[in-house]
């Protein structure tokens, strides 16, 4: 895996935090962290998209961000860990991994 795909994973990591921040931020410090997470996430995503296929990058970014946000909601905020929800998140991750594996790297 090259550094651009690692950047996409990093961008998705920050996506989880800004999505959580949009719902749960109450103080100026929390909102500042949310804004910084948005800026880092999109900056890194844009840089990775310069070298990788933009459609695949976006699908992987959103898929990983969605899975991460659902998992964070279950772990930190007490959301119900419904077995069907977990199976669907697993299916989403399998699709994201498959899409990444099927994408040709640019030279």
PDB file of N, CA and C in Angstrom:
ATOM      1  N   UNK A   1       0.852  -1.171   0.000  1.00  0.00           N
ATOM      2  CA  UNK A   1       0.000   0.000   0.000  1.00  0.00           C
ATOM      3  C   UNK A   1       0.899   1.235   0.000  1.00  0.00           C
ATOM      4  N   UNK A   2       0.584   2.183  -0.872  1.00  0.00           N
ATOM      5  CA  UNK A   2       1.443   3.359  -0.928  1.00  0.00           C
ATOM      6  C   UNK A   2       0.978   4.443   0.032  1.00  0.00           C
ATOM      7  N   UNK A   3       1.748   5.502   0.100  1.00  0.00           N
ATOM      8  CA  UNK A   3       1.475   6.558   1.075  1.00  0.00           C
ATOM      9  C   UNK A   3       0.176   7.301   0.788  1.00  0.00           C
ATOM     10  N   UNK A   4      -0.273   7.303  -0.466  1.00  0.00           N
ATOM     11  CA  UNK A   4      -1.516   8.002  -0.780  1.00  0.00           C
ATOM     12  C   UNK A   4      -2.723   7.256  -0.218  1.00  0.00           C
ATOM     13  N   UNK A   5      -2.674   5.926  -0.246  1.00  0.00           N
ATOM     14  CA  UNK A   5      -3.761   5.170   0.377  1.00  0.00           C
ATOM     15  C   UNK A   5      -3.721   5.326   1.895  1.00  0.00           C
ATOM     16  N   UNK A   6      -2.543   5.401   2.465  1.00  0.00           N
ATOM     17  CA  UNK A   6      -2.441   5.662   3.906  1.00  0.00           C
ATOM     18  C   UNK A   6      -3.033   7.030   4.242  1.00  0.00           C
ATOM     19  N   UNK A   7      -2.834   7.986   3.338  1.00  0.00           N
ATOM     20  CA  UNK A   7      -3.425   9.307   3.533  1.00  0.00           C
ATOM     21  C   UNK A   7      -4.955   9.229   3.521  1.00  0.00           C
ATOM     22  N   UNK A   8      -5.519   8.416   2.644  1.00  0.00           N
ATOM     23  CA  UNK A   8      -6.981   8.251   2.602  1.00  0.00           C
ATOM     24  C   UNK A   8      -7.470   7.670   3.931  1.00  0.00           C
ATOM     25  N   UNK A   9      -6.754   6.685   4.464  1.00  0.00           N
ATOM     26  CA  UNK A   9      -7.141   6.115   5.758  1.00  0.00           C
ATOM     27  C   UNK A   9      -7.032   7.161   6.871  1.00  0.00           C
ATOM     28  N   UNK A  10      -5.993   7.987   6.809  1.00  0.00           N
ATOM     29  CA  UNK A  10      -5.844   9.062   7.792  1.00  0.00           C
ATOM     30  C   UNK A  10      -6.974  10.077   7.684  1.00  0.00           C
ATOM     31  N   UNK A  11      -7.348  10.430   6.455  1.00  0.00           N
ATOM     32  CA  UNK A  11      -8.451  11.369   6.244  1.00  0.00           C
ATOM     33  C   UNK A  11      -9.757  10.804   6.805  1.00  0.00           C
ATOM     34  N   UNK A  12      -9.978   9.513   6.610  1.00  0.00           N
ATOM     35  CA  UNK A  12     -11.189   8.867   7.145  1.00  0.00           C
ATOM     36  C   UNK A  12     -11.165   8.866   8.671  1.00  0.00           C
ATOM     37  N   UNK A  13      -9.982   8.693   9.261  1.00  0.00           N
ATOM     38  CA  UNK A  13      -9.831   8.745  10.721  1.00  0.00           C
ATOM     39  C   UNK A  13     -10.286  10.113  11.242  1.00  0.00           C
ATOM     40  N   UNK A  14      -9.822  11.192  10.592  1.00  0.00           N
ATOM     41  CA  UNK A  14     -10.231  12.532  11.010  1.00  0.00           C
ATOM     42  C   UNK A  14     -11.705  12.785  10.721  1.00  0.00           C
ATOM     43  N   UNK A  15     -12.233  12.131   9.699  1.00  0.00           N
ATOM     44  CA  UNK A  15     -13.658  12.277   9.390  1.00  0.00           C
ATOM     45  C   UNK A  15     -14.514  11.826  10.567  1.00  0.00           C
ATOM     46  N   UNK A  16     -14.131  10.746  11.191  1.00  0.00           N
ATOM     47  CA  UNK A  16     -14.889  10.245  12.346  1.00  0.00           C
ATOM     48  C   UNK A  16     -14.987  11.323  13.411  1.00  0.00           C
ATOM     49  N   UNK A  17     -13.879  12.014  13.671  1.00  0.00           N
ATOM     50  CA  UNK A  17     -13.880  13.024  14.729  1.00  0.00           C
ATOM     51  C   UNK A  17     -14.693  14.257  14.371  1.00  0.00           C
ATOM     52  N   UNK A  18     -14.659  14.675  13.092  1.00  0.00           N
ATOM     53  CA  UNK A  18     -15.456  15.850  12.789  1.00  0.00           C
ATOM     54  C   UNK A  18     -16.945  15.533  12.735  1.00  0.00           C
ATOM     55  N   UNK A  19     -17.300  14.327  12.337  1.00  0.00           N
ATOM     56  CA  UNK A  19     -18.713  13.949  12.343  1.00  0.00           C
ATOM     57  C   UNK A  19     -19.227  13.892  13.777  1.00  0.00           C
ATOM     58  N   UNK A  20     -18.448  13.309  14.676  1.00  0.00           N
ATOM     59  CA  UNK A  20     -18.822  13.280  16.089  1.00  0.00           C
ATOM     60  C   UNK A  20     -18.928  14.703  16.626  1.00  0.00           C
ATOM     61  N   UNK A  21     -17.961  15.545  16.239  1.00  0.00           N
ATOM     62  CA  UNK A  21     -17.972  16.929  16.699  1.00  0.00           C
ATOM     63  C   UNK A  21     -19.193  17.699  16.244  1.00  0.00           C
ATOM     64  N   UNK A  22     -19.664  17.443  15.028  1.00  0.00           N
ATOM     65  CA  UNK A  22     -20.852  18.146  14.544  1.00  0.00           C
ATOM     66  C   UNK A  22     -22.069  17.869  15.428  1.00  0.00           C
ATOM     67  N   UNK A  23     -22.111  16.705  16.027  1.00  0.00           N
ATOM     68  CA  UNK A  23     -23.247  16.360  16.878  1.00  0.00           C
ATOM     69  C   UNK A  23     -23.015  16.731  18.341  1.00  0.00           C
ATOM     70  N   UNK A  24     -21.801  16.531  18.835  1.00  0.00           N
ATOM     71  CA  UNK A  24     -21.575  16.598  20.275  1.00  0.00           C
ATOM     72  C   UNK A  24     -20.785  17.814  20.752  1.00  0.00           C
ATOM     73  N   UNK A  25     -20.238  18.638  19.879  1.00  0.00           N
ATOM     74  CA  UNK A  25     -19.432  19.782  20.325  1.00  0.00           C
ATOM     75  C   UNK A  25     -20.325  20.826  20.992  1.00  0.00           C
ATOM     76  N   UNK A  26     -19.878  21.286  22.158  1.00  0.00           N
ATOM     77  CA  UNK A  26     -20.625  22.302  22.903  1.00  0.00           C
ATOM     78  C   UNK A  26     -19.771  23.533  23.212  1.00  0.00           C
ATOM     79  N   UNK A  27     -18.482  23.327  23.424  1.00  0.00           N
ATOM     80  CA  UNK A  27     -17.604  24.429  23.816  1.00  0.00           C
ATOM     81  C   UNK A  27     -16.813  24.930  22.611  1.00  0.00           C
ATOM     82  N   UNK A  28     -16.188  26.084  22.783  1.00  0.00           N
ATOM     83  CA  UNK A  28     -15.355  26.646  21.713  1.00  0.00           C
ATOM     84  C   UNK A  28     -14.191  25.718  21.389  1.00  0.00           C
ATOM     85  N   UNK A  29     -13.618  25.089  22.410  1.00  0.00           N
ATOM     86  CA  UNK A  29     -12.506  24.166  22.180  1.00  0.00           C
ATOM     87  C   UNK A  29     -12.957  22.951  21.369  1.00  0.00           C
ATOM     88  N   UNK A  30     -14.121  22.404  21.702  1.00  0.00           N
ATOM     89  CA  UNK A  30     -14.645  21.256  20.950  1.00  0.00           C
ATOM     90  C   UNK A  30     -14.968  21.645  19.511  1.00  0.00           C
ATOM     91  N   UNK A  31     -15.533  22.823  19.307  1.00  0.00           N
ATOM     92  CA  UNK A  31     -15.822  23.280  17.946  1.00  0.00           C
ATOM     93  C   UNK A  31     -14.534  23.546  17.179  1.00  0.00           C
ATOM     94  N   UNK A  32     -13.520  24.050  17.874  1.00  0.00           N
ATOM     95  CA  UNK A  32     -12.218  24.255  17.224  1.00  0.00           C
ATOM     96  C   UNK A  32     -11.634  22.930  16.762  1.00  0.00           C
ATOM     97  N   UNK A  33     -11.727  21.910  17.600  1.00  0.00           N
ATOM     98  CA  UNK A  33     -11.254  20.578  17.220  1.00  0.00           C
ATOM     99  C   UNK A  33     -12.026  20.019  16.039  1.00  0.00           C
ATOM    100  N   UNK A  34     -13.314  20.290  16.000  1.00  0.00           N
ATOM    101  CA  UNK A  34     -14.143  19.841  14.883  1.00  0.00           C
ATOM    102  C   UNK A  34     -13.706  20.517  13.582  1.00  0.00           C
ATOM    103  N   UNK A  35     -13.488  21.808  13.626  1.00  0.00           N
ATOM    104  CA  UNK A  35     -13.072  22.554  12.436  1.00  0.00           C
ATOM    105  C   UNK A  35     -11.692  22.086  11.969  1.00  0.00           C
ATOM    106  N   UNK A  36     -10.769  21.896  12.905  1.00  0.00           N
ATOM    107  CA  UNK A  36      -9.436  21.409  12.542  1.00  0.00           C
ATOM    108  C   UNK A  36      -9.540  20.024  11.908  1.00  0.00           C
ATOM    109  N   UNK A  37     -10.393  19.166  12.459  1.00  0.00           N
ATOM    110  CA  UNK A  37     -10.580  17.825  11.890  1.00  0.00           C
ATOM    111  C   UNK A  37     -11.131  17.887  10.472  1.00  0.00           C
ATOM    112  N   UNK A  38     -12.061  18.802  10.234  1.00  0.00           N
ATOM    113  CA  UNK A  38     -12.610  18.973   8.877  1.00  0.00           C
ATOM    114  C   UNK A  38     -11.506  19.409   7.921  1.00  0.00           C
ATOM    115  N   UNK A  39     -10.736  20.404   8.325  1.00  0.00           N
ATOM    116  CA  UNK A  39      -9.686  20.923   7.451  1.00  0.00           C
ATOM    117  C   UNK A  39      -8.626  19.873   7.149  1.00  0.00           C
ATOM    118  N   UNK A  40      -8.180  19.152   8.177  1.00  0.00           N
ATOM    119  CA  UNK A  40      -7.168  18.111   7.974  1.00  0.00           C
ATOM    120  C   UNK A  40      -7.727  17.011   7.086  1.00  0.00           C
ATOM    121  N   UNK A  41      -8.934  16.571   7.387  1.00  0.00           N
ATOM    122  CA  UNK A  41      -9.553  15.477   6.642  1.00  0.00           C
ATOM    123  C   UNK A  41      -9.649  15.805   5.150  1.00  0.00           C
ATOM    124  N   UNK A  42     -10.179  16.968   4.828  1.00  0.00           N
ATOM    125  CA  UNK A  42     -10.364  17.306   3.420  1.00  0.00           C
ATOM    126  C   UNK A  42      -9.059  17.665   2.723  1.00  0.00           C
ATOM    127  N   UNK A  43      -8.131  18.303   3.417  1.00  0.00           N
ATOM    128  CA  UNK A  43      -6.838  18.600   2.814  1.00  0.00           C
ATOM    129  C   UNK A  43      -6.128  17.307   2.411  1.00  0.00           C
ATOM    130  N   UNK A  44      -6.091  16.344   3.333  1.00  0.00           N
ATOM    131  CA  UNK A  44      -5.422  15.070   3.057  1.00  0.00           C
ATOM    132  C   UNK A  44      -6.159  14.307   1.956  1.00  0.00           C
ATOM    133  N   UNK A  45      -7.482  14.336   1.980  1.00  0.00           N
ATOM    134  CA  UNK A  45      -8.274  13.676   0.948  1.00  0.00           C
ATOM    135  C   UNK A  45      -7.990  14.272  -0.436  1.00  0.00           C
ATOM    136  N   UNK A  46      -7.921  15.587  -0.521  1.00  0.00           N
ATOM    137  CA  UNK A  46      -7.642  16.253  -1.801  1.00  0.00           C
ATOM    138  C   UNK A  46      -6.247  15.892  -2.303  1.00  0.00           C
ATOM    139  N   UNK A  47      -5.266  15.886  -1.413  1.00  0.00           N
ATOM    140  CA  UNK A  47      -3.900  15.524  -1.815  1.00  0.00           C
ATOM    141  C   UNK A  47      -3.834  14.081  -2.322  1.00  0.00           C
ATOM    142  N   UNK A  48      -4.514  13.169  -1.652  1.00  0.00           N
ATOM    143  CA  UNK A  48      -4.519  11.765  -2.100  1.00  0.00           C
ATOM    144  C   UNK A  48      -5.228  11.635  -3.446  1.00  0.00           C
ATOM    145  N   UNK A  49      -6.262  12.435  -3.665  1.00  0.00           N
ATOM    146  CA  UNK A  49      -7.021  12.371  -4.917  1.00  0.00           C
ATOM    147  C   UNK A  49      -6.228  12.865  -6.113  1.00  0.00           C
ATOM    148  N   UNK A  50      -5.160  13.593  -5.857  1.00  0.00           N
ATOM    149  CA  UNK A  50      -4.313  14.046  -6.963  1.00  0.00           C
ATOM    150  C   UNK A  50      -3.545  12.889  -7.596  1.00  0.00           C
ATOM    151  N   UNK A  51      -3.323  11.812  -6.848  1.00  0.00           N
ATOM    152  CA  UNK A  51      -2.532  10.687  -7.338  1.00  0.00           C
ATOM    153  C   UNK A  51      -3.331   9.399  -7.511  1.00  0.00           C
ATOM    154  N   UNK A  52      -4.521   9.339  -6.943  1.00  0.00           N
ATOM    155  CA  UNK A  52      -5.351   8.129  -6.995  1.00  0.00           C
ATOM    156  C   UNK A  52      -6.669   8.454  -7.687  1.00  0.00           C
ATOM    157  N   UNK A  53      -7.375   7.443  -8.192  1.00  0.00           N
ATOM    158  CA  UNK A  53      -8.679   7.683  -8.830  1.00  0.00           C
ATOM    159  C   UNK A  53      -9.680   8.285  -7.840  1.00  0.00           C
ATOM    160  N   UNK A  54     -10.197   9.441  -8.186  1.00  0.00           N
ATOM    161  CA  UNK A  54     -11.015  10.208  -7.252  1.00  0.00           C
ATOM    162  C   UNK A  54     -12.276   9.453  -6.817  1.00  0.00           C
ATOM    163  N   UNK A  55     -12.914   8.721  -7.705  1.00  0.00           N
ATOM    164  CA  UNK A  55     -14.124   7.983  -7.334  1.00  0.00           C
ATOM    165  C   UNK A  55     -13.853   6.913  -6.303  1.00  0.00           C
ATOM    166  N   UNK A  56     -12.777   6.192  -6.490  1.00  0.00           N
ATOM    167  CA  UNK A  56     -12.407   5.138  -5.536  1.00  0.00           C
ATOM    168  C   UNK A  56     -11.977   5.745  -4.210  1.00  0.00           C
ATOM    169  N   UNK A  57     -11.193   6.819  -4.279  1.00  0.00           N
ATOM    170  CA  UNK A  57     -10.740   7.487  -3.056  1.00  0.00           C
ATOM    171  C   UNK A  57     -11.937   7.948  -2.243  1.00  0.00           C
ATOM    172  N   UNK A  58     -12.896   8.571  -2.893  1.00  0.00           N
ATOM    173  CA  UNK A  58     -14.061   9.077  -2.170  1.00  0.00           C
ATOM    174  C   UNK A  58     -14.887   7.942  -1.578  1.00  0.00           C
ATOM    175  N   UNK A  59     -15.074   6.872  -2.326  1.00  0.00           N
ATOM    176  CA  UNK A  59     -15.843   5.731  -1.818  1.00  0.00           C
ATOM    177  C   UNK A  59     -15.169   5.108  -0.604  1.00  0.00           C
ATOM    178  N   UNK A  60     -13.850   4.955  -0.659  1.00  0.00           N
ATOM    179  CA  UNK A  60     -13.113   4.386   0.474  1.00  0.00           C
ATOM    180  C   UNK A  60     -13.187   5.331   1.665  1.00  0.00           C
ATOM    181  N   UNK A  61     -12.996   6.616   1.430  1.00  0.00           N
ATOM    182  CA  UNK A  61     -13.060   7.631   2.485  1.00  0.00           C
ATOM    183  C   UNK A  61     -14.412   7.603   3.202  1.00  0.00           C
ATOM    184  N   UNK A  62     -15.481   7.647   2.435  1.00  0.00           N
ATOM    185  CA  UNK A  62     -16.822   7.678   3.022  1.00  0.00           C
ATOM    186  C   UNK A  62     -17.149   6.350   3.707  1.00  0.00           C
ATOM    187  N   UNK A  63     -16.784   5.237   3.084  1.00  0.00           N
ATOM    188  CA  UNK A  63     -17.058   3.934   3.681  1.00  0.00           C
ATOM    189  C   UNK A  63     -16.349   3.747   5.010  1.00  0.00           C
ATOM    190  N   UNK A  64     -15.059   4.082   5.052  1.00  0.00           N
ATOM    191  CA  UNK A  64     -14.309   3.950   6.308  1.00  0.00           C
ATOM    192  C   UNK A  64     -14.809   4.939   7.344  1.00  0.00           C
ATOM    193  N   UNK A  65     -15.134   6.153   6.907  1.00  0.00           N
ATOM    194  CA  UNK A  65     -15.672   7.139   7.846  1.00  0.00           C
ATOM    195  C   UNK A  65     -17.001   6.710   8.428  1.00  0.00           C
ATOM    196  N   UNK A  66     -17.846   6.141   7.593  1.00  0.00           N
ATOM    197  CA  UNK A  66     -19.147   5.652   8.071  1.00  0.00           C
ATOM    198  C   UNK A  66     -18.966   4.525   9.078  1.00  0.00           C
ATOM    199  N   UNK A  67     -18.136   3.551   8.743  1.00  0.00           N
ATOM    200  CA  UNK A  67     -17.890   2.431   9.655  1.00  0.00           C
ATOM    201  C   UNK A  67     -17.291   2.923  10.967  1.00  0.00           C
ATOM    202  N   UNK A  68     -16.325   3.837  10.868  1.00  0.00           N
ATOM    203  CA  UNK A  68     -15.701   4.374  12.071  1.00  0.00           C
ATOM    204  C   UNK A  68     -16.661   5.155  12.935  1.00  0.00           C
ATOM    205  N   UNK A  69     -17.525   5.930  12.308  1.00  0.00           N
ATOM    206  CA  UNK A  69     -18.499   6.721  13.059  1.00  0.00           C
ATOM    207  C   UNK A  69     -19.514   5.832  13.761  1.00  0.00           C
ATOM    208  N   UNK A  70     -19.989   4.797  13.091  1.00  0.00           N
ATOM    209  CA  UNK A  70     -20.941   3.863  13.720  1.00  0.00           C
ATOM    210  C   UNK A  70     -20.274   3.153  14.898  1.00  0.00           C
ATOM    211  N   UNK A  71     -19.038   2.705  14.703  1.00  0.00           N
ATOM    212  CA  UNK A  71     -18.321   2.031  15.790  1.00  0.00           C
ATOM    213  C   UNK A  71     -18.069   2.970  16.964  1.00  0.00           C
ATOM    214  N   UNK A  72     -17.682   4.214  16.682  1.00  0.00           N
ATOM    215  CA  UNK A  72     -17.464   5.198  17.751  1.00  0.00           C
ATOM    216  C   UNK A  72     -18.760   5.475  18.496  1.00  0.00           C
ATOM    217  N   UNK A  73     -19.860   5.542  17.764  1.00  0.00           N
ATOM    218  CA  UNK A  73     -21.164   5.771  18.393  1.00  0.00           C
ATOM    219  C   UNK A  73     -21.521   4.633  19.345  1.00  0.00           C
ATOM    220  N   UNK A  74     -21.200   3.413  18.956  1.00  0.00           N
ATOM    221  CA  UNK A  74     -21.469   2.252  19.807  1.00  0.00           C
ATOM    222  C   UNK A  74     -20.551   2.256  21.023  1.00  0.00           C
ATOM    223  N   UNK A  75     -19.250   2.499  20.803  1.00  0.00           N
ATOM    224  CA  UNK A  75     -18.261   2.404  21.880  1.00  0.00           C
ATOM    225  C   UNK A  75     -18.364   3.562  22.864  1.00  0.00           C
ATOM    226  N   UNK A  76     -18.432   4.796  22.365  1.00  0.00           N
ATOM    227  CA  UNK A  76     -18.338   5.963  23.247  1.00  0.00           C
ATOM    228  C   UNK A  76     -19.677   6.558  23.650  1.00  0.00           C
ATOM    229  N   UNK A  77     -20.716   6.350  22.865  1.00  0.00           N
ATOM    230  CA  UNK A  77     -21.976   7.021  23.149  1.00  0.00           C
ATOM    231  C   UNK A  77     -23.134   6.073  23.437  1.00  0.00           C
ATOM    232  N   UNK A  78     -22.833   4.800  23.576  1.00  0.00           N
ATOM    233  CA  UNK A  78     -23.831   3.834  24.017  1.00  0.00           C
ATOM    234  C   UNK A  78     -24.906   3.492  23.010  1.00  0.00           C
ATOM    235  N   UNK A  79     -24.641   3.678  21.733  1.00  0.00           N
ATOM    236  CA  UNK A  79     -25.620   3.279  20.724  1.00  0.00           C
ATOM    237  C   UNK A  79     -25.771   1.759  20.747  1.00  0.00           C
ATOM    238  N   UNK A  80     -26.928   1.302  20.349  1.00  0.00           N
ATOM    239  CA  UNK A  80     -27.192  -0.127  20.343  1.00  0.00           C
ATOM    240  C   UNK A  80     -26.328  -0.835  19.299  1.00  0.00           C
ATOM    241  N   UNK A  81     -25.683  -1.923  19.719  1.00  0.00           N
ATOM    242  CA  UNK A  81     -24.857  -2.736  18.813  1.00  0.00           C
ATOM    243  C   UNK A  81     -25.726  -3.829  18.203  1.00  0.00           C
ATOM    244  N   UNK A  82     -26.665  -3.410  17.406  1.00  0.00           N
ATOM    245  CA  UNK A  82     -27.591  -4.320  16.750  1.00  0.00           C
ATOM    246  C   UNK A  82     -26.822  -5.250  15.811  1.00  0.00           C
ATOM    247  N   UNK A  83     -27.024  -6.576  15.903  1.00  0.00           N
ATOM    248  CA  UNK A  83     -26.300  -7.510  15.034  1.00  0.00           C
ATOM    249  C   UNK A  83     -26.469  -7.216  13.542  1.00  0.00           C
ATOM    250  N   UNK A  84     -27.644  -6.803  13.133  1.00  0.00           N
ATOM    251  CA  UNK A  84     -27.863  -6.483  11.716  1.00  0.00           C
ATOM    252  C   UNK A  84     -27.000  -5.289  11.317  1.00  0.00           C
ATOM    253  N   UNK A  85     -26.932  -4.278  12.178  1.00  0.00           N
ATOM    254  CA  UNK A  85     -26.096  -3.107  11.912  1.00  0.00           C
ATOM    255  C   UNK A  85     -24.633  -3.516  11.768  1.00  0.00           C
ATOM    256  N   UNK A  86     -24.157  -4.386  12.643  1.00  0.00           N
ATOM    257  CA  UNK A  86     -22.765  -4.832  12.598  1.00  0.00           C
ATOM    258  C   UNK A  86     -22.481  -5.646  11.337  1.00  0.00           C
ATOM    259  N   UNK A  87     -23.425  -6.471  10.936  1.00  0.00           N
ATOM    260  CA  UNK A  87     -23.264  -7.248   9.699  1.00  0.00           C
ATOM    261  C   UNK A  87     -23.198  -6.315   8.490  1.00  0.00           C
ATOM    262  N   UNK A  88     -24.048  -5.306   8.474  1.00  0.00           N
ATOM    263  CA  UNK A  88     -24.048  -4.355   7.361  1.00  0.00           C
ATOM    264  C   UNK A  88     -22.765  -3.528   7.328  1.00  0.00           C
ATOM    265  N   UNK A  89     -22.257  -3.142   8.480  1.00  0.00           N
ATOM    266  CA  UNK A  89     -20.975  -2.417   8.524  1.00  0.00           C
ATOM    267  C   UNK A  89     -19.857  -3.330   8.019  1.00  0.00           C
ATOM    268  N   UNK A  90     -19.874  -4.610   8.411  1.00  0.00           N
ATOM    269  CA  UNK A  90     -18.886  -5.569   7.901  1.00  0.00           C
ATOM    270  C   UNK A  90     -18.972  -5.710   6.399  1.00  0.00           C
ATOM    271  N   UNK A  91     -20.183  -5.748   5.880  1.00  0.00           N
ATOM    272  CA  UNK A  91     -20.381  -5.835   4.433  1.00  0.00           C
ATOM    273  C   UNK A  91     -19.838  -4.584   3.740  1.00  0.00           C
ATOM    274  N   UNK A  92     -20.084  -3.437   4.336  1.00  0.00           N
ATOM    275  CA  UNK A  92     -19.559  -2.186   3.802  1.00  0.00           C
ATOM    276  C   UNK A  92     -18.034  -2.214   3.747  1.00  0.00           C
ATOM    277  N   UNK A  93     -17.409  -2.670   4.820  1.00  0.00           N
ATOM    278  CA  UNK A  93     -15.947  -2.739   4.856  1.00  0.00           C
ATOM    279  C   UNK A  93     -15.396  -3.725   3.826  1.00  0.00           C
ATOM    280  N   UNK A  94     -16.070  -4.847   3.639  1.00  0.00           N
ATOM    281  CA  UNK A  94     -15.647  -5.802   2.609  1.00  0.00           C
ATOM    282  C   UNK A  94     -15.715  -5.143   1.233  1.00  0.00           C
ATOM    283  N   UNK A  95     -16.774  -4.391   0.979  1.00  0.00           N
ATOM    284  CA  UNK A  95     -16.899  -3.686  -0.293  1.00  0.00           C
ATOM    285  C   UNK A  95     -15.811  -2.641  -0.481  1.00  0.00           C
ATOM    286  N   UNK A  96     -15.501  -1.898   0.575  1.00  0.00           N
ATOM    287  CA  UNK A  96     -14.451  -0.875   0.502  1.00  0.00           C
ATOM    288  C   UNK A  96     -13.092  -1.518   0.230  1.00  0.00           C
ATOM    289  N   UNK A  97     -12.793  -2.593   0.929  1.00  0.00           N
ATOM    290  CA  UNK A  97     -11.522  -3.297   0.724  1.00  0.00           C
ATOM    291  C   UNK A  97     -11.457  -3.850  -0.699  1.00  0.00           C
ATOM    292  N   UNK A  98     -12.544  -4.441  -1.161  1.00  0.00           N
ATOM    293  CA  UNK A  98     -12.593  -4.970  -2.531  1.00  0.00           C
ATOM    294  C   UNK A  98     -12.401  -3.882  -3.566  1.00  0.00           C
ATOM    295  N   UNK A  99     -13.044  -2.747  -3.365  1.00  0.00           N
ATOM    296  CA  UNK A  99     -12.913  -1.641  -4.303  1.00  0.00           C
ATOM    297  C   UNK A  99     -11.479  -1.124  -4.341  1.00  0.00           C
ATOM    298  N   UNK A 100     -10.863  -1.024  -3.194  1.00  0.00           N
ATOM    299  CA  UNK A 100      -9.461  -0.585  -3.126  1.00  0.00           C
ATOM    300  C   UNK A 100      -8.552  -1.569  -3.818  1.00  0.00           C
ATOM    301  N   UNK A 101      -8.781  -2.868  -3.608  1.00  0.00           N
ATOM    302  CA  UNK A 101      -7.945  -3.909  -4.221  1.00  0.00           C
ATOM    303  C   UNK A 101      -8.115  -3.959  -5.737  1.00  0.00           C
ATOM    304  N   UNK A 102      -9.292  -3.622  -6.219  1.00  0.00           N
ATOM    305  CA  UNK A 102      -9.569  -3.686  -7.653  1.00  0.00           C
ATOM    306  C   UNK A 102      -9.089  -2.458  -8.415  1.00  0.00           C
ATOM    307  N   UNK A 103      -8.655  -1.431  -7.687  1.00  0.00           N
ATOM    308  CA  UNK A 103      -8.231  -0.184  -8.322  1.00  0.00           C
ATOM    309  C   UNK A 103      -6.757  -0.271  -8.703  1.00  0.00           C
ATOM    310  N   UNK A 104      -6.485   0.056  -9.940  1.00  0.00           N
ATOM    311  CA  UNK A 104      -5.101   0.063 -10.440  1.00  0.00           C
ATOM    312  C   UNK A 104      -4.392   1.314  -9.928  1.00  0.00           C
ATOM    313  N   UNK A 105      -3.156   1.116  -9.501  1.00  0.00           N
ATOM    314  CA  UNK A 105      -2.329   2.230  -9.042  1.00  0.00           C
ATOM    315  C   UNK A 105      -1.724   2.943 -10.246  1.00  0.00           C
ATOM    316  N   UNK A 106      -1.646   4.269 -10.180  1.00  0.00           N
ATOM    317  CA  UNK A 106      -0.982   5.025 -11.231  1.00  0.00           C
ATOM    318  C   UNK A 106       0.521   4.925 -11.038  1.00  0.00           C
ATOM    319  N   UNK A 107       1.253   4.942 -12.134  1.00  0.00           N
ATOM    320  CA  UNK A 107       2.717   4.850 -12.056  1.00  0.00           C
ATOM    321  C   UNK A 107       3.305   6.125 -11.501  1.00  0.00           C
TER     322      UNK A 107
END
